[in-house]
Protein backbone atom coordinates (compact mmCIF):
# COMPACT_ATOMS: atom_id res chain seq x y z
CA UNK A 1 86.86 176.37 104.06
CA UNK A 2 89.06 173.52 105.36
CA UNK A 3 87.56 170.75 107.46
CA UNK A 4 89.40 169.73 110.60
CA UNK A 5 90.10 165.99 110.83
CA UNK A 6 89.71 164.67 114.39
CA UNK A 7 93.05 163.71 115.94
CA UNK A 8 91.93 160.19 116.94
CA UNK A 9 90.86 159.47 113.30
CA UNK A 10 94.28 160.50 112.00
CA UNK A 11 95.96 158.13 114.47
CA UNK A 12 93.60 155.31 113.48
CA UNK A 13 94.37 155.74 109.77
CA UNK A 14 98.13 155.75 110.45
CA UNK A 15 97.89 152.58 112.58
CA UNK A 16 95.85 150.73 109.95
CA UNK A 17 98.25 151.79 107.19
CA UNK A 18 101.19 150.50 109.24
CA UNK A 19 99.48 147.16 109.93
CA UNK A 20 98.67 146.62 106.25
CA UNK A 21 102.18 147.54 105.09
CA UNK A 22 103.81 145.33 107.73
CA UNK A 23 101.50 142.38 107.05
CA UNK A 24 100.24 142.31 110.63
CA UNK A 25 96.52 142.60 110.04
CA UNK A 26 94.64 140.19 112.34
CA UNK A 27 93.68 136.83 110.80
CA UNK A 28 90.08 135.82 110.35
CA UNK A 29 88.65 133.88 113.24
CA UNK A 30 89.29 130.19 112.62
CA UNK A 31 86.25 127.96 112.19
CA UNK A 32 86.06 125.40 115.00
CA UNK A 33 85.64 121.74 114.14
CA UNK A 34 82.10 120.67 115.22
CA UNK A 35 82.16 119.18 118.72
CA UNK A 36 80.12 116.20 117.47
CA UNK A 37 82.62 115.33 114.72
CA UNK A 38 84.00 111.79 114.91
CA UNK A 39 85.75 109.28 112.62
CA UNK A 40 84.58 105.77 111.75
CA UNK A 41 86.32 102.64 112.99
CA UNK A 42 87.21 101.93 109.34
CA UNK A 43 88.99 105.29 109.04
CA UNK A 44 90.82 104.67 112.31
CA UNK A 45 91.91 101.23 111.07
CA UNK A 46 93.35 102.74 107.87
CA UNK A 47 95.21 105.30 110.01
CA UNK A 48 96.77 102.46 112.06
CA UNK A 49 97.70 100.56 108.89
CA UNK A 50 99.62 103.59 107.59
CA UNK A 51 101.58 103.92 110.84
CA UNK A 52 102.25 100.16 110.94
CA UNK A 53 103.66 100.40 107.40
CA UNK A 54 105.91 103.30 108.46
CA UNK A 55 107.06 101.43 111.57
CA UNK A 56 108.42 98.59 109.42
CA UNK A 57 110.92 101.09 108.03
CA UNK A 58 111.69 102.79 111.38
CA UNK A 59 109.64 105.89 110.57
CA UNK A 60 107.84 107.63 113.47
CA UNK A 61 104.03 107.44 113.72
CA UNK A 62 102.05 110.43 112.47
CA UNK A 63 99.68 111.97 115.06
CA UNK A 64 96.02 111.77 114.10
CA UNK A 65 94.55 115.24 113.51
CA UNK A 66 90.95 116.20 114.24
CA UNK A 67 91.15 119.17 111.85
CA UNK A 68 92.63 117.23 108.93
CA UNK A 69 90.18 114.35 109.49
CA UNK A 70 87.34 116.89 109.24
CA UNK A 71 88.80 118.26 105.96
CA UNK A 72 89.24 114.71 104.61
CA UNK A 73 85.70 113.70 105.60
CA UNK A 74 84.24 116.85 104.03
CA UNK A 75 86.15 116.31 100.79
CA UNK A 76 85.28 112.63 100.19
CA UNK A 77 81.59 113.44 100.68
CA UNK A 78 81.86 116.38 98.26
CA UNK A 79 83.55 114.08 95.70
CA UNK A 80 80.86 111.42 96.12
CA UNK A 81 77.78 113.67 96.07
CA UNK A 82 78.84 116.51 93.74
CA UNK A 83 81.72 115.12 91.59
CA UNK A 84 83.87 118.24 91.15
CA UNK A 85 86.50 115.95 89.54
CA UNK A 86 84.35 115.41 86.46
CA UNK A 87 84.83 118.85 84.95
CA UNK A 88 87.30 117.92 82.24
CA UNK A 89 90.30 119.92 83.50
CA UNK A 90 89.52 119.24 87.20
CA UNK A 91 90.91 116.21 89.05
CA UNK A 92 90.09 114.56 92.38
CA UNK A 93 91.76 117.34 94.42
CA UNK A 94 88.99 119.72 93.30
CA UNK A 95 86.09 121.08 95.38
CA UNK A 96 82.55 121.80 94.15
CA UNK A 97 80.47 124.96 94.57
CA UNK A 98 77.88 123.08 96.66
CA UNK A 99 79.24 123.75 100.15
CA UNK A 100 80.36 126.38 102.65
CA UNK A 101 83.83 126.48 101.08
CA UNK A 102 85.36 128.22 98.09
CA UNK A 103 85.01 126.09 94.92
CA UNK A 104 88.30 125.01 93.41
CA UNK A 105 89.30 123.26 90.18
CA UNK A 106 92.72 121.64 90.54
CA UNK A 107 95.14 122.21 88.89
CA UNK A 108 93.47 124.88 86.72
CA UNK A 109 92.88 127.35 89.60
CA UNK A 110 96.23 126.78 91.28
CA UNK A 111 98.36 129.93 91.63
CA UNK A 112 100.48 131.74 94.21
CA UNK A 113 97.54 133.50 95.88
CA UNK A 114 95.08 130.63 95.78
CA UNK A 115 96.01 127.07 96.73
CA UNK A 116 93.89 123.98 97.19
CA UNK A 117 96.28 123.03 100.01
CA UNK A 118 94.89 125.94 102.08
CA UNK A 119 91.57 124.13 102.63
CA UNK A 120 92.51 123.22 106.26
CA UNK A 121 92.97 126.95 107.01
CA UNK A 122 89.62 127.71 105.39
CA UNK A 123 87.62 125.00 107.16
CA UNK A 124 89.36 124.51 110.54
CA UNK A 125 91.70 126.14 113.09
CA UNK A 126 94.66 124.32 111.47
CA UNK A 127 97.06 127.05 110.27
CA UNK A 128 99.41 125.01 108.10
CA UNK A 129 99.03 123.69 104.58
CA UNK A 130 97.60 120.21 104.05
CA UNK A 131 98.58 117.83 101.24
CA UNK A 132 96.21 115.15 99.95
CA UNK A 133 96.27 111.73 98.33
CA UNK A 134 93.01 110.23 96.99
CA UNK A 135 91.69 106.74 96.18
CA UNK A 136 88.64 105.76 94.14
CA UNK A 137 87.12 102.52 92.89
CA UNK A 138 83.82 101.41 91.35
CA UNK A 139 82.43 99.78 94.49
CA UNK A 140 82.54 100.66 98.18
CA UNK A 141 86.20 100.81 99.15
CA UNK A 142 88.03 98.08 101.05
CA UNK A 143 90.86 99.44 103.21
CA UNK A 144 93.23 96.60 102.25
CA UNK A 145 92.88 97.72 98.63
CA UNK A 146 93.49 101.38 99.58
CA UNK A 147 96.76 100.79 101.42
CA UNK A 148 97.95 98.28 98.79
CA UNK A 149 97.31 100.74 95.99
CA UNK A 150 98.94 103.70 97.79
CA UNK A 151 102.03 101.62 98.56
CA UNK A 152 102.27 100.44 94.95
CA UNK A 153 102.48 103.91 93.35
CA UNK A 154 105.62 106.04 93.78
CA UNK A 155 103.64 109.30 94.03
CA UNK A 156 101.34 108.08 96.82
CA UNK A 157 104.05 106.05 98.53
CA UNK A 158 106.26 109.14 98.82
CA UNK A 159 103.69 110.65 101.20
CA UNK A 160 103.47 107.51 103.31
CA UNK A 161 107.25 107.05 103.52
CA UNK A 162 108.58 110.65 103.33
CA UNK A 163 110.56 109.98 100.16
CA UNK A 164 111.23 111.95 96.95
CA UNK A 165 109.73 115.46 97.33
CA UNK A 166 108.88 114.81 101.00
CA UNK A 167 112.26 113.45 102.05
CA UNK A 168 113.52 115.28 105.13
CA UNK A 169 110.02 116.55 105.97
CA UNK A 170 108.23 115.53 109.16
CA UNK A 171 104.51 114.91 109.21
CA UNK A 172 103.04 116.15 112.50
CA UNK A 173 99.40 115.64 111.50
CA UNK A 174 97.35 113.29 109.34
CA UNK A 175 93.64 113.11 108.54
CA UNK A 176 91.72 110.17 107.06
CA UNK A 177 88.36 110.29 105.25
CA UNK A 178 86.35 107.40 103.72
CA UNK A 179 82.90 107.60 102.13
CA UNK A 180 81.38 105.01 99.80
CA UNK A 181 83.90 104.51 96.96
CA UNK A 182 86.23 107.44 97.83
CA UNK A 183 89.05 107.65 100.38
CA UNK A 184 91.68 110.30 101.05
CA UNK A 185 94.47 111.17 103.46
CA UNK A 186 95.67 114.69 104.30
CA UNK A 187 99.21 115.32 105.61
CA UNK A 188 100.48 118.40 107.47
CA UNK A 189 103.82 119.54 108.91
CA UNK A 190 102.34 121.52 111.82
CA UNK A 191 100.79 119.90 114.91
CA UNK A 192 97.01 120.26 115.21
CA UNK A 193 95.87 122.47 118.13
CA UNK A 194 92.54 120.57 118.06
CA UNK A 195 94.25 117.27 118.96
CA UNK A 196 92.79 113.89 117.96
CA UNK A 197 89.18 113.08 117.00
CA UNK A 198 87.25 110.38 118.82
CA UNK A 199 85.88 107.27 117.15
CA UNK A 200 82.15 107.31 116.47
CA UNK A 201 80.31 105.37 119.15
CA UNK A 202 83.19 105.86 121.60
CA UNK A 203 82.49 109.43 122.70
CA UNK A 204 84.58 110.42 125.73
CA UNK A 205 82.42 110.80 128.83
CA UNK A 206 83.30 113.41 131.40
CA UNK A 207 83.00 112.07 134.92
CA UNK A 208 83.20 114.34 137.93
CA UNK A 209 84.44 112.48 140.99
CA UNK A 210 83.48 113.83 144.43
CA UNK A 211 86.32 115.33 146.50
CA UNK A 212 87.99 112.81 148.74
CA UNK A 213 87.68 113.46 152.43
CA UNK A 214 90.86 113.25 154.44
CA UNK A 215 90.49 110.46 157.00
CA UNK A 216 90.63 111.49 160.62
CA UNK A 217 93.26 109.49 162.47
CA UNK A 218 92.97 108.74 166.15
CA UNK A 219 96.11 108.93 168.29
CA UNK A 220 96.36 105.11 168.35
CA UNK A 221 95.98 104.74 164.54
CA UNK A 222 98.52 107.52 163.91
CA UNK A 223 101.08 105.68 166.10
CA UNK A 224 100.42 102.41 164.23
CA UNK A 225 100.81 104.17 160.85
CA UNK A 226 104.22 105.60 161.83
CA UNK A 227 105.43 102.16 162.98
CA UNK A 228 104.44 100.60 159.64
CA UNK A 229 106.30 103.36 157.71
CA UNK A 230 109.47 102.81 159.80
CA UNK A 231 109.40 99.04 159.19
CA UNK A 232 108.79 99.58 155.46
CA UNK A 233 111.76 101.98 155.19
CA UNK A 234 114.08 99.49 156.94
CA UNK A 235 112.91 96.68 154.67
CA UNK A 236 113.63 98.77 151.58
CA UNK A 237 117.13 99.61 152.84
CA UNK A 238 117.97 95.88 153.11
CA UNK A 239 116.04 94.66 150.07
CA UNK A 240 117.62 96.77 147.33
CA UNK A 241 118.07 94.82 144.10
CA UNK A 242 120.43 95.64 141.27
CA UNK A 243 118.59 97.19 138.34
CA UNK A 244 117.75 94.68 135.67
CA UNK A 245 119.39 95.06 132.29
CA UNK A 246 117.19 96.76 129.68
CA UNK A 247 115.75 94.45 127.11
CA UNK A 248 117.39 94.65 123.73
CA UNK A 249 115.15 96.00 121.04
CA UNK A 250 114.53 93.50 118.33
CA UNK A 251 115.25 94.75 114.85
CA UNK A 252 112.16 94.83 112.66
CA UNK A 253 112.09 92.00 110.20
CA UNK A 254 113.02 92.99 106.67
CA UNK A 255 110.15 92.88 104.18
CA UNK A 256 109.93 89.63 102.30
CA UNK A 257 108.40 88.75 99.01
CA UNK A 258 104.84 87.51 99.47
CA UNK A 259 105.04 83.82 98.68
CA UNK A 260 101.52 82.64 99.61
CA UNK A 261 100.33 79.70 97.60
CA UNK A 262 96.86 79.86 96.18
CA UNK A 263 94.75 77.03 97.59
CA UNK A 264 92.64 74.68 95.51
CA UNK A 265 89.52 76.29 94.19
CA UNK A 266 90.84 79.83 94.67
CA UNK A 267 91.39 82.15 91.71
CA UNK A 268 93.56 85.26 91.84
CA UNK A 269 94.08 88.09 89.38
CA UNK A 270 97.69 89.26 89.15
CA UNK A 271 98.78 92.55 87.57
CA UNK A 272 101.89 91.72 85.52
CA UNK A 273 104.39 94.54 84.90
CA UNK A 274 107.35 92.49 83.63
CA UNK A 275 106.89 89.68 81.15
CA UNK A 276 109.09 86.77 80.20
CA UNK A 277 112.78 87.72 80.50
CA UNK A 278 116.09 86.21 81.70
CA UNK A 279 115.86 85.13 85.35
CA UNK A 280 118.60 87.52 86.52
CA UNK A 281 116.83 90.45 84.91
CA UNK A 282 113.52 89.50 86.57
CA UNK A 283 115.15 89.21 90.01
CA UNK A 284 116.91 92.56 89.54
CA UNK A 285 113.61 94.17 88.50
CA UNK A 286 111.81 92.63 91.50
CA UNK A 287 114.47 93.87 93.96
CA UNK A 288 114.18 97.35 92.48
CA UNK A 289 110.38 97.32 92.95
CA UNK A 290 110.65 96.20 96.56
CA UNK A 291 113.31 98.82 97.35
CA UNK A 292 110.82 101.46 96.15
CA UNK A 293 108.14 100.21 98.54
CA UNK A 294 106.18 97.83 96.29
CA UNK A 295 105.96 95.22 99.04
CA UNK A 296 103.28 93.14 97.26
CA UNK A 297 105.44 92.50 94.19
CA UNK A 298 106.48 88.89 93.59
CA UNK A 299 107.66 86.37 90.99
CA UNK A 300 105.00 84.15 89.43
CA UNK A 301 105.68 80.92 87.58
CA UNK A 302 103.25 79.33 85.16
CA UNK A 303 104.02 76.65 82.59
CA UNK A 304 107.73 77.03 83.31
CA UNK A 305 107.65 80.78 82.59
CA UNK A 306 108.33 83.50 85.18
CA UNK A 307 106.77 86.96 85.34
CA UNK A 308 106.75 89.85 87.86
CA UNK A 309 103.43 90.73 89.50
CA UNK A 310 103.05 94.05 91.33
CA UNK A 311 99.75 93.32 93.13
CA UNK A 312 97.03 90.68 93.31
CA UNK A 313 93.27 90.56 93.86
CA UNK A 314 90.58 87.95 94.34
CA UNK A 315 87.94 90.13 92.65
CA UNK A 316 88.37 90.89 88.96
CA UNK A 317 86.59 94.25 89.28
CA UNK A 318 89.22 95.43 91.75
CA UNK A 319 92.03 94.16 89.52
CA UNK A 320 90.55 96.02 86.53
CA UNK A 321 90.29 99.23 88.57
CA UNK A 322 93.90 98.95 89.77
CA UNK A 323 95.16 98.09 86.28
CA UNK A 324 93.97 101.44 84.92
CA UNK A 325 96.16 103.22 87.46
CA UNK A 326 99.15 100.89 86.98
CA UNK A 327 99.08 101.50 83.22
CA UNK A 328 99.89 105.15 83.87
CA UNK A 329 103.38 103.95 84.84
CA UNK A 330 103.71 100.59 83.05
CA UNK A 331 101.74 100.90 79.80
CA UNK A 332 102.16 97.20 78.93
CA UNK A 333 100.79 95.96 82.27
CA UNK A 334 98.15 93.21 82.01
CA UNK A 335 96.15 90.81 84.21
CA UNK A 336 97.05 87.15 84.65
CA UNK A 337 94.35 84.86 86.06
CA UNK A 338 95.73 81.95 88.05
């Protein structure tokens, strides 16, 4: 005995099959960013430093994104508290299994169906991919060290300056996160529908102003008002000035080699990437570094010998931390105390 399938059920099955085959199944409801979420003044300062660096090279500012800031803030806290980057094959782009997100070991888990760059979609209403750069040091981070380090490495600098792989791309969103000794920045090509976050302690206050009452004019006041308008119109007709010429935009000053002299009693630690060599070769090497965005690079002279330094620090611990990263590119790099 055959069972009759209700007509409406047949139609429903056909519709669902069509939606699956055409890829038009509805997306999961996006998680909203908590209304109380805010960024620290330190994070906002680092954001401004990145845009100031871009402005020196005539690059447009990147809009601050509430969604990407939330992702960045969530990730630096996960790195600090749960250390998903200490799993041998997992690096600092990884996420632990201790939160309301899917755990991820990067690059081991990276494949076409599962990407660490989809975290903004998973955690916020942001629908585009987000790309991350990370910073770590032994002590609580100092933002001057963060921006100096990111500018000094080609991989990180390519995000800040839209070079190499990111040349021709336009960043329409950026998120900043800082917690203890971790910092990160997330970049996205799509604008953020959530807009900008507010700075902690500077919550926007909604004020409702009472409706303005239209003043009632007496016949005498109305006549006086019309006379004033007539006089004002006549005055404007006579007093028309030629438009002033627009001010010429000043060209941004080209970056110069940092030539600060160390004062008496001060000690600095310089990371040397080019040792003693002919002067022309040192100058050529220095120009090449600066053209690649290493704005802190400079020539040092000691005992009549010249060397090329890529960055400098007043604290030895920070110099040691930076040296480990620099050695990944220049294996013979070393620290000169002066």
